[in-house]
PDB file of all heavy atoms in Angstrom:
ATOM      1  N   TRP A   1     -22.402  -0.310 -31.342  1.00  0.00           N
ATOM      2  CA  TRP A   1     -21.328   0.124 -30.475  1.00  0.00           C
ATOM      3  C   TRP A   1     -21.678  -0.356 -29.037  1.00  0.00           C
ATOM      4  O   TRP A   1     -22.824  -0.108 -28.622  1.00  0.00           O
ATOM      5  CB  TRP A   1     -21.077   1.623 -30.485  1.00  0.00           C
ATOM      6  CG  TRP A   1     -20.474   2.072 -31.726  1.00  0.00           C
ATOM      7  CD1 TRP A   1     -19.088   2.223 -32.041  1.00  0.00           C
ATOM      8  CD2 TRP A   1     -21.069   2.433 -32.969  1.00  0.00           C
ATOM      9  NE1 TRP A   1     -18.945   2.666 -33.318  1.00  0.00           N
ATOM     10  CE2 TRP A   1     -20.147   2.777 -33.877  1.00  0.00           C
ATOM     11  CE3 TRP A   1     -22.410   2.456 -33.367  1.00  0.00           C
ATOM     12  CZ2 TRP A   1     -20.446   3.245 -35.204  1.00  0.00           C
ATOM     13  CZ3 TRP A   1     -22.736   2.881 -34.645  1.00  0.00           C
ATOM     14  CH2 TRP A   1     -21.743   3.242 -35.535  1.00  0.00           C
ATOM     15  N   HIS A   2     -20.757  -0.913 -28.310  1.00  0.00           N
ATOM     16  CA  HIS A   2     -21.058  -1.628 -27.013  1.00  0.00           C
ATOM     17  C   HIS A   2     -19.998  -1.220 -26.010  1.00  0.00           C
ATOM     18  O   HIS A   2     -18.778  -1.197 -26.344  1.00  0.00           O
ATOM     19  CB  HIS A   2     -21.010  -3.147 -27.329  1.00  0.00           C
ATOM     20  CG  HIS A   2     -20.919  -3.961 -26.024  1.00  0.00           C
ATOM     21  ND1 HIS A   2     -20.028  -5.005 -25.931  1.00  0.00           N
ATOM     22  CD2 HIS A   2     -21.570  -3.915 -24.906  1.00  0.00           C
ATOM     23  CE1 HIS A   2     -20.195  -5.501 -24.741  1.00  0.00           C
ATOM     24  NE2 HIS A   2     -21.003  -4.906 -24.074  1.00  0.00           N
ATOM     25  N   ILE A   3     -20.492  -0.797 -24.832  1.00  0.00           N
ATOM     26  CA  ILE A   3     -19.562  -0.457 -23.735  1.00  0.00           C
ATOM     27  C   ILE A   3     -19.886  -1.450 -22.588  1.00  0.00           C
ATOM     28  O   ILE A   3     -20.997  -1.511 -22.080  1.00  0.00           O
ATOM     29  CB  ILE A   3     -19.757   1.006 -23.255  1.00  0.00           C
ATOM     30  CG1 ILE A   3     -19.468   1.976 -24.417  1.00  0.00           C
ATOM     31  CG2 ILE A   3     -18.837   1.294 -22.109  1.00  0.00           C
ATOM     32  CD1 ILE A   3     -19.781   3.423 -24.072  1.00  0.00           C
ATOM     33  N   ASP A   4     -18.814  -2.187 -22.192  1.00  0.00           N
ATOM     34  CA  ASP A   4     -18.880  -3.137 -21.093  1.00  0.00           C
ATOM     35  C   ASP A   4     -18.407  -2.450 -19.805  1.00  0.00           C
ATOM     36  O   ASP A   4     -17.210  -2.056 -19.699  1.00  0.00           O
ATOM     37  CB  ASP A   4     -17.956  -4.329 -21.491  1.00  0.00           C
ATOM     38  CG  ASP A   4     -17.861  -5.397 -20.435  1.00  0.00           C
ATOM     39  OD1 ASP A   4     -18.906  -5.642 -19.801  1.00  0.00           O
ATOM     40  OD2 ASP A   4     -16.761  -6.023 -20.217  1.00  0.00           O
ATOM     41  N   CYS A   5     -19.324  -2.218 -18.873  1.00  0.00           N
ATOM     42  CA  CYS A   5     -19.086  -1.235 -17.751  1.00  0.00           C
ATOM     43  C   CYS A   5     -18.693  -1.988 -16.491  1.00  0.00           C
ATOM     44  O   CYS A   5     -19.400  -2.862 -15.924  1.00  0.00           O
ATOM     45  CB  CYS A   5     -20.349  -0.460 -17.522  1.00  0.00           C
ATOM     46  SG  CYS A   5     -20.963   0.409 -18.937  1.00  0.00           S
ATOM     47  N   HIS A   6     -17.550  -1.571 -15.933  1.00  0.00           N
ATOM     48  CA  HIS A   6     -16.992  -2.132 -14.702  1.00  0.00           C
ATOM     49  C   HIS A   6     -16.468  -0.997 -13.744  1.00  0.00           C
ATOM     50  O   HIS A   6     -16.477   0.217 -14.161  1.00  0.00           O
ATOM     51  CB  HIS A   6     -15.802  -3.018 -15.047  1.00  0.00           C
ATOM     52  CG  HIS A   6     -16.154  -4.176 -15.942  1.00  0.00           C
ATOM     53  ND1 HIS A   6     -16.336  -5.432 -15.439  1.00  0.00           N
ATOM     54  CD2 HIS A   6     -16.263  -4.232 -17.261  1.00  0.00           C
ATOM     55  CE1 HIS A   6     -16.634  -6.232 -16.424  1.00  0.00           C
ATOM     56  NE2 HIS A   6     -16.615  -5.553 -17.550  1.00  0.00           N
ATOM     57  N   SER A   7     -16.066  -1.431 -12.584  1.00  0.00           N
ATOM     58  CA  SER A   7     -15.294  -0.514 -11.705  1.00  0.00           C
ATOM     59  C   SER A   7     -14.003  -1.246 -11.271  1.00  0.00           C
ATOM     60  O   SER A   7     -13.906  -2.455 -11.331  1.00  0.00           O
ATOM     61  CB  SER A   7     -16.166  -0.084 -10.521  1.00  0.00           C
ATOM     62  OG  SER A   7     -16.358  -1.158  -9.624  1.00  0.00           O
ATOM     63  N   MET A   8     -12.999  -0.427 -10.908  1.00  0.00           N
ATOM     64  CA  MET A   8     -11.730  -0.924 -10.499  1.00  0.00           C
ATOM     65  C   MET A   8     -11.386  -0.444  -9.175  1.00  0.00           C
ATOM     66  O   MET A   8     -11.693   0.640  -8.750  1.00  0.00           O
ATOM     67  CB  MET A   8     -10.714  -0.579 -11.497  1.00  0.00           C
ATOM     68  CG  MET A   8     -10.570   0.962 -11.743  1.00  0.00           C
ATOM     69  SD  MET A   8      -9.420   1.347 -13.126  1.00  0.00           S
ATOM     70  CE  MET A   8      -9.554   3.134 -13.157  1.00  0.00           C
ATOM     71  N   PRO A   9     -10.588  -1.312  -8.395  1.00  0.00           N
ATOM     72  CA  PRO A   9     -10.117  -0.793  -7.131  1.00  0.00           C
ATOM     73  C   PRO A   9      -9.271   0.448  -7.240  1.00  0.00           C
ATOM     74  O   PRO A   9      -8.542   0.614  -8.253  1.00  0.00           O
ATOM     75  CB  PRO A   9      -9.319  -2.043  -6.610  1.00  0.00           C
ATOM     76  CG  PRO A   9      -9.829  -3.148  -7.371  1.00  0.00           C
ATOM     77  CD  PRO A   9     -10.186  -2.642  -8.698  1.00  0.00           C
ATOM     78  N   SER A  10      -9.244   1.298  -6.134  1.00  0.00           N
ATOM     79  CA  SER A  10      -8.452   2.480  -6.256  1.00  0.00           C
ATOM     80  C   SER A  10      -6.970   2.215  -5.940  1.00  0.00           C
ATOM     81  O   SER A  10      -6.156   3.096  -6.131  1.00  0.00           O
ATOM     82  CB  SER A  10      -8.977   3.497  -5.245  1.00  0.00           C
ATOM     83  OG  SER A  10      -8.932   3.007  -3.939  1.00  0.00           O
ATOM     84  N   LYS A  11      -6.704   0.950  -5.445  1.00  0.00           N
ATOM     85  CA  LYS A  11      -5.262   0.632  -5.235  1.00  0.00           C
ATOM     86  C   LYS A  11      -4.926  -0.573  -6.163  1.00  0.00           C
ATOM     87  O   LYS A  11      -5.699  -1.531  -6.393  1.00  0.00           O
ATOM     88  CB  LYS A  11      -5.119   0.145  -3.744  1.00  0.00           C
ATOM     89  CG  LYS A  11      -5.211   1.277  -2.809  1.00  0.00           C
ATOM     90  CD  LYS A  11      -4.861   0.828  -1.358  1.00  0.00           C
ATOM     91  CE  LYS A  11      -4.958   1.993  -0.359  1.00  0.00           C
ATOM     92  NZ  LYS A  11      -4.676   1.509   1.028  1.00  0.00           N
ATOM     93  N   MET A  12      -3.713  -0.479  -6.693  1.00  0.00           N
ATOM     94  CA  MET A  12      -3.196  -1.553  -7.584  1.00  0.00           C
ATOM     95  C   MET A  12      -2.842  -2.736  -6.704  1.00  0.00           C
ATOM     96  O   MET A  12      -2.827  -2.671  -5.435  1.00  0.00           O
ATOM     97  CB  MET A  12      -1.952  -1.042  -8.348  1.00  0.00           C
ATOM     98  CG  MET A  12      -2.261   0.201  -9.167  1.00  0.00           C
ATOM     99  SD  MET A  12      -3.212  -0.253 -10.611  1.00  0.00           S
ATOM    100  CE  MET A  12      -2.022  -1.034 -11.626  1.00  0.00           C
ATOM    101  N   TYR A  13      -2.406  -3.843  -7.385  1.00  0.00           N
ATOM    102  CA  TYR A  13      -2.102  -5.102  -6.622  1.00  0.00           C
ATOM    103  C   TYR A  13      -0.888  -4.879  -5.760  1.00  0.00           C
ATOM    104  O   TYR A  13      -0.782  -5.574  -4.727  1.00  0.00           O
ATOM    105  CB  TYR A  13      -1.832  -6.123  -7.684  1.00  0.00           C
ATOM    106  CG  TYR A  13      -2.953  -6.463  -8.619  1.00  0.00           C
ATOM    107  CD1 TYR A  13      -2.709  -6.308  -9.980  1.00  0.00           C
ATOM    108  CD2 TYR A  13      -4.235  -6.856  -8.114  1.00  0.00           C
ATOM    109  CE1 TYR A  13      -3.859  -6.541 -10.807  1.00  0.00           C
ATOM    110  CE2 TYR A  13      -5.280  -7.087  -8.952  1.00  0.00           C
ATOM    111  CZ  TYR A  13      -5.072  -6.883 -10.328  1.00  0.00           C
ATOM    112  OH  TYR A  13      -6.113  -7.177 -11.152  1.00  0.00           O
ATOM    113  N   ASP A  14       0.024  -3.934  -6.074  1.00  0.00           N
ATOM    114  CA  ASP A  14       1.141  -3.686  -5.256  1.00  0.00           C
ATOM    115  C   ASP A  14       0.924  -2.690  -4.147  1.00  0.00           C
ATOM    116  O   ASP A  14       1.886  -2.280  -3.428  1.00  0.00           O
ATOM    117  CB  ASP A  14       2.402  -3.235  -6.155  1.00  0.00           C
ATOM    118  CG  ASP A  14       2.043  -1.947  -6.844  1.00  0.00           C
ATOM    119  OD1 ASP A  14       0.986  -1.365  -6.610  1.00  0.00           O
ATOM    120  OD2 ASP A  14       2.931  -1.447  -7.681  1.00  0.00           O
ATOM    121  N   GLY A  15      -0.298  -2.217  -4.032  1.00  0.00           N
ATOM    122  CA  GLY A  15      -0.646  -1.291  -2.965  1.00  0.00           C
ATOM    123  C   GLY A  15      -0.556   0.169  -3.386  1.00  0.00           C
ATOM    124  O   GLY A  15      -1.092   1.064  -2.625  1.00  0.00           O
ATOM    125  N   SER A  16      -0.026   0.476  -4.502  1.00  0.00           N
ATOM    126  CA  SER A  16       0.004   1.819  -5.026  1.00  0.00           C
ATOM    127  C   SER A  16      -1.345   2.289  -5.522  1.00  0.00           C
ATOM    128  O   SER A  16      -2.187   1.521  -5.910  1.00  0.00           O
ATOM    129  CB  SER A  16       0.980   1.980  -6.167  1.00  0.00           C
ATOM    130  OG  SER A  16       0.687   1.214  -7.303  1.00  0.00           O
ATOM    131  N   LEU A  17      -1.582   3.618  -5.428  1.00  0.00           N
ATOM    132  CA  LEU A  17      -2.902   4.150  -5.925  1.00  0.00           C
ATOM    133  C   LEU A  17      -3.024   4.060  -7.420  1.00  0.00           C
ATOM    134  O   LEU A  17      -2.064   4.373  -8.214  1.00  0.00           O
ATOM    135  CB  LEU A  17      -2.960   5.618  -5.454  1.00  0.00           C
ATOM    136  CG  LEU A  17      -3.162   5.794  -3.889  1.00  0.00           C
ATOM    137  CD1 LEU A  17      -3.224   7.336  -3.607  1.00  0.00           C
ATOM    138  CD2 LEU A  17      -4.396   5.158  -3.397  1.00  0.00           C
ATOM    139  N   MET A  18      -4.188   3.791  -7.822  1.00  0.00           N
ATOM    140  CA  MET A  18      -4.576   3.858  -9.324  1.00  0.00           C
ATOM    141  C   MET A  18      -4.538   5.280  -9.745  1.00  0.00           C
ATOM    142  O   MET A  18      -5.307   6.080  -9.168  1.00  0.00           O
ATOM    143  CB  MET A  18      -5.882   3.203  -9.536  1.00  0.00           C
ATOM    144  CG  MET A  18      -6.493   3.376 -10.930  1.00  0.00           C
ATOM    145  SD  MET A  18      -5.505   2.745 -12.240  1.00  0.00           S
ATOM    146  CE  MET A  18      -5.798   0.977 -11.914  1.00  0.00           C
ATOM    147  N   ALA A  19      -3.816   5.630 -10.727  1.00  0.00           N
ATOM    148  CA  ALA A  19      -3.594   6.976 -11.119  1.00  0.00           C
ATOM    149  C   ALA A  19      -4.761   7.522 -11.994  1.00  0.00           C
ATOM    150  O   ALA A  19      -5.122   8.608 -12.008  1.00  0.00           O
ATOM    151  CB  ALA A  19      -2.243   7.198 -11.821  1.00  0.00           C
ATOM    152  N   ALA A  20      -5.312   6.567 -12.710  1.00  0.00           N
ATOM    153  CA  ALA A  20      -6.365   6.936 -13.736  1.00  0.00           C
ATOM    154  C   ALA A  20      -7.792   6.950 -13.010  1.00  0.00           C
ATOM    155  O   ALA A  20      -8.071   6.262 -12.069  1.00  0.00           O
ATOM    156  CB  ALA A  20      -6.403   5.921 -14.815  1.00  0.00           C
ATOM    157  N   ASP A  21      -8.594   7.901 -13.606  1.00  0.00           N
ATOM    158  CA  ASP A  21     -10.011   7.832 -13.190  1.00  0.00           C
ATOM    159  C   ASP A  21     -10.799   6.805 -13.931  1.00  0.00           C
ATOM    160  O   ASP A  21     -11.729   6.160 -13.419  1.00  0.00           O
ATOM    161  CB  ASP A  21     -10.649   9.199 -13.452  1.00  0.00           C
ATOM    162  CG  ASP A  21      -9.960  10.342 -12.628  1.00  0.00           C
ATOM    163  OD1 ASP A  21      -9.675  10.057 -11.434  1.00  0.00           O
ATOM    164  OD2 ASP A  21      -9.707  11.449 -13.145  1.00  0.00           O
ATOM    165  N   PHE A  22     -10.450   6.623 -15.204  1.00  0.00           N
ATOM    166  CA  PHE A  22     -11.082   5.662 -16.075  1.00  0.00           C
ATOM    167  C   PHE A  22      -9.997   4.876 -16.843  1.00  0.00           C
ATOM    168  O   PHE A  22      -8.946   5.519 -17.288  1.00  0.00           O
ATOM    169  CB  PHE A  22     -12.013   6.305 -17.073  1.00  0.00           C
ATOM    170  CG  PHE A  22     -13.298   6.848 -16.496  1.00  0.00           C
ATOM    171  CD1 PHE A  22     -13.304   8.151 -15.973  1.00  0.00           C
ATOM    172  CD2 PHE A  22     -14.487   6.021 -16.460  1.00  0.00           C
ATOM    173  CE1 PHE A  22     -14.489   8.605 -15.412  1.00  0.00           C
ATOM    174  CE2 PHE A  22     -15.595   6.584 -15.898  1.00  0.00           C
ATOM    175  CZ  PHE A  22     -15.653   7.863 -15.428  1.00  0.00           C
ATOM    176  N   VAL A  23     -10.178   3.648 -17.028  1.00  0.00           N
ATOM    177  CA  VAL A  23      -9.368   2.832 -17.955  1.00  0.00           C
ATOM    178  C   VAL A  23     -10.248   2.220 -19.078  1.00  0.00           C
ATOM    179  O   VAL A  23     -11.315   1.608 -18.719  1.00  0.00           O
ATOM    180  CB  VAL A  23      -8.565   1.707 -17.286  1.00  0.00           C
ATOM    181  CG1 VAL A  23      -7.775   0.854 -18.324  1.00  0.00           C
ATOM    182  CG2 VAL A  23      -7.635   2.266 -16.255  1.00  0.00           C
ATOM    183  N   LEU A  24      -9.906   2.534 -20.290  1.00  0.00           N
ATOM    184  CA  LEU A  24     -10.688   1.971 -21.477  1.00  0.00           C
ATOM    185  C   LEU A  24      -9.872   0.843 -22.072  1.00  0.00           C
ATOM    186  O   LEU A  24      -8.635   1.027 -22.278  1.00  0.00           O
ATOM    187  CB  LEU A  24     -10.968   3.052 -22.482  1.00  0.00           C
ATOM    188  CG  LEU A  24     -11.720   4.243 -22.024  1.00  0.00           C
ATOM    189  CD1 LEU A  24     -11.873   5.246 -23.221  1.00  0.00           C
ATOM    190  CD2 LEU A  24     -13.109   3.860 -21.447  1.00  0.00           C
ATOM    191  N   GLY A  25     -10.467  -0.297 -22.284  1.00  0.00           N
ATOM    192  CA  GLY A  25      -9.826  -1.425 -22.812  1.00  0.00           C
ATOM    193  C   GLY A  25     -10.346  -1.889 -24.173  1.00  0.00           C
ATOM    194  O   GLY A  25     -11.595  -2.211 -24.221  1.00  0.00           O
ATOM    195  N   ASP A  26      -9.578  -1.934 -25.172  1.00  0.00           N
ATOM    196  CA  ASP A  26     -10.061  -2.474 -26.467  1.00  0.00           C
ATOM    197  C   ASP A  26      -9.252  -3.610 -26.978  1.00  0.00           C
ATOM    198  O   ASP A  26      -9.179  -3.862 -28.172  1.00  0.00           O
ATOM    199  CB  ASP A  26     -10.113  -1.288 -27.533  1.00  0.00           C
ATOM    200  CG  ASP A  26      -8.775  -0.566 -27.799  1.00  0.00           C
ATOM    201  OD1 ASP A  26      -7.687  -1.204 -27.365  1.00  0.00           O
ATOM    202  OD2 ASP A  26      -8.758   0.437 -28.429  1.00  0.00           O
TER     203      ASP A  26
END
């Protein structure tokens, strides 16, 4: 099992705030 670890900006591309604390992508 492998977790690829990143961070994301707190603002989306349109300037709105990112609502999630974590996003998991599979």
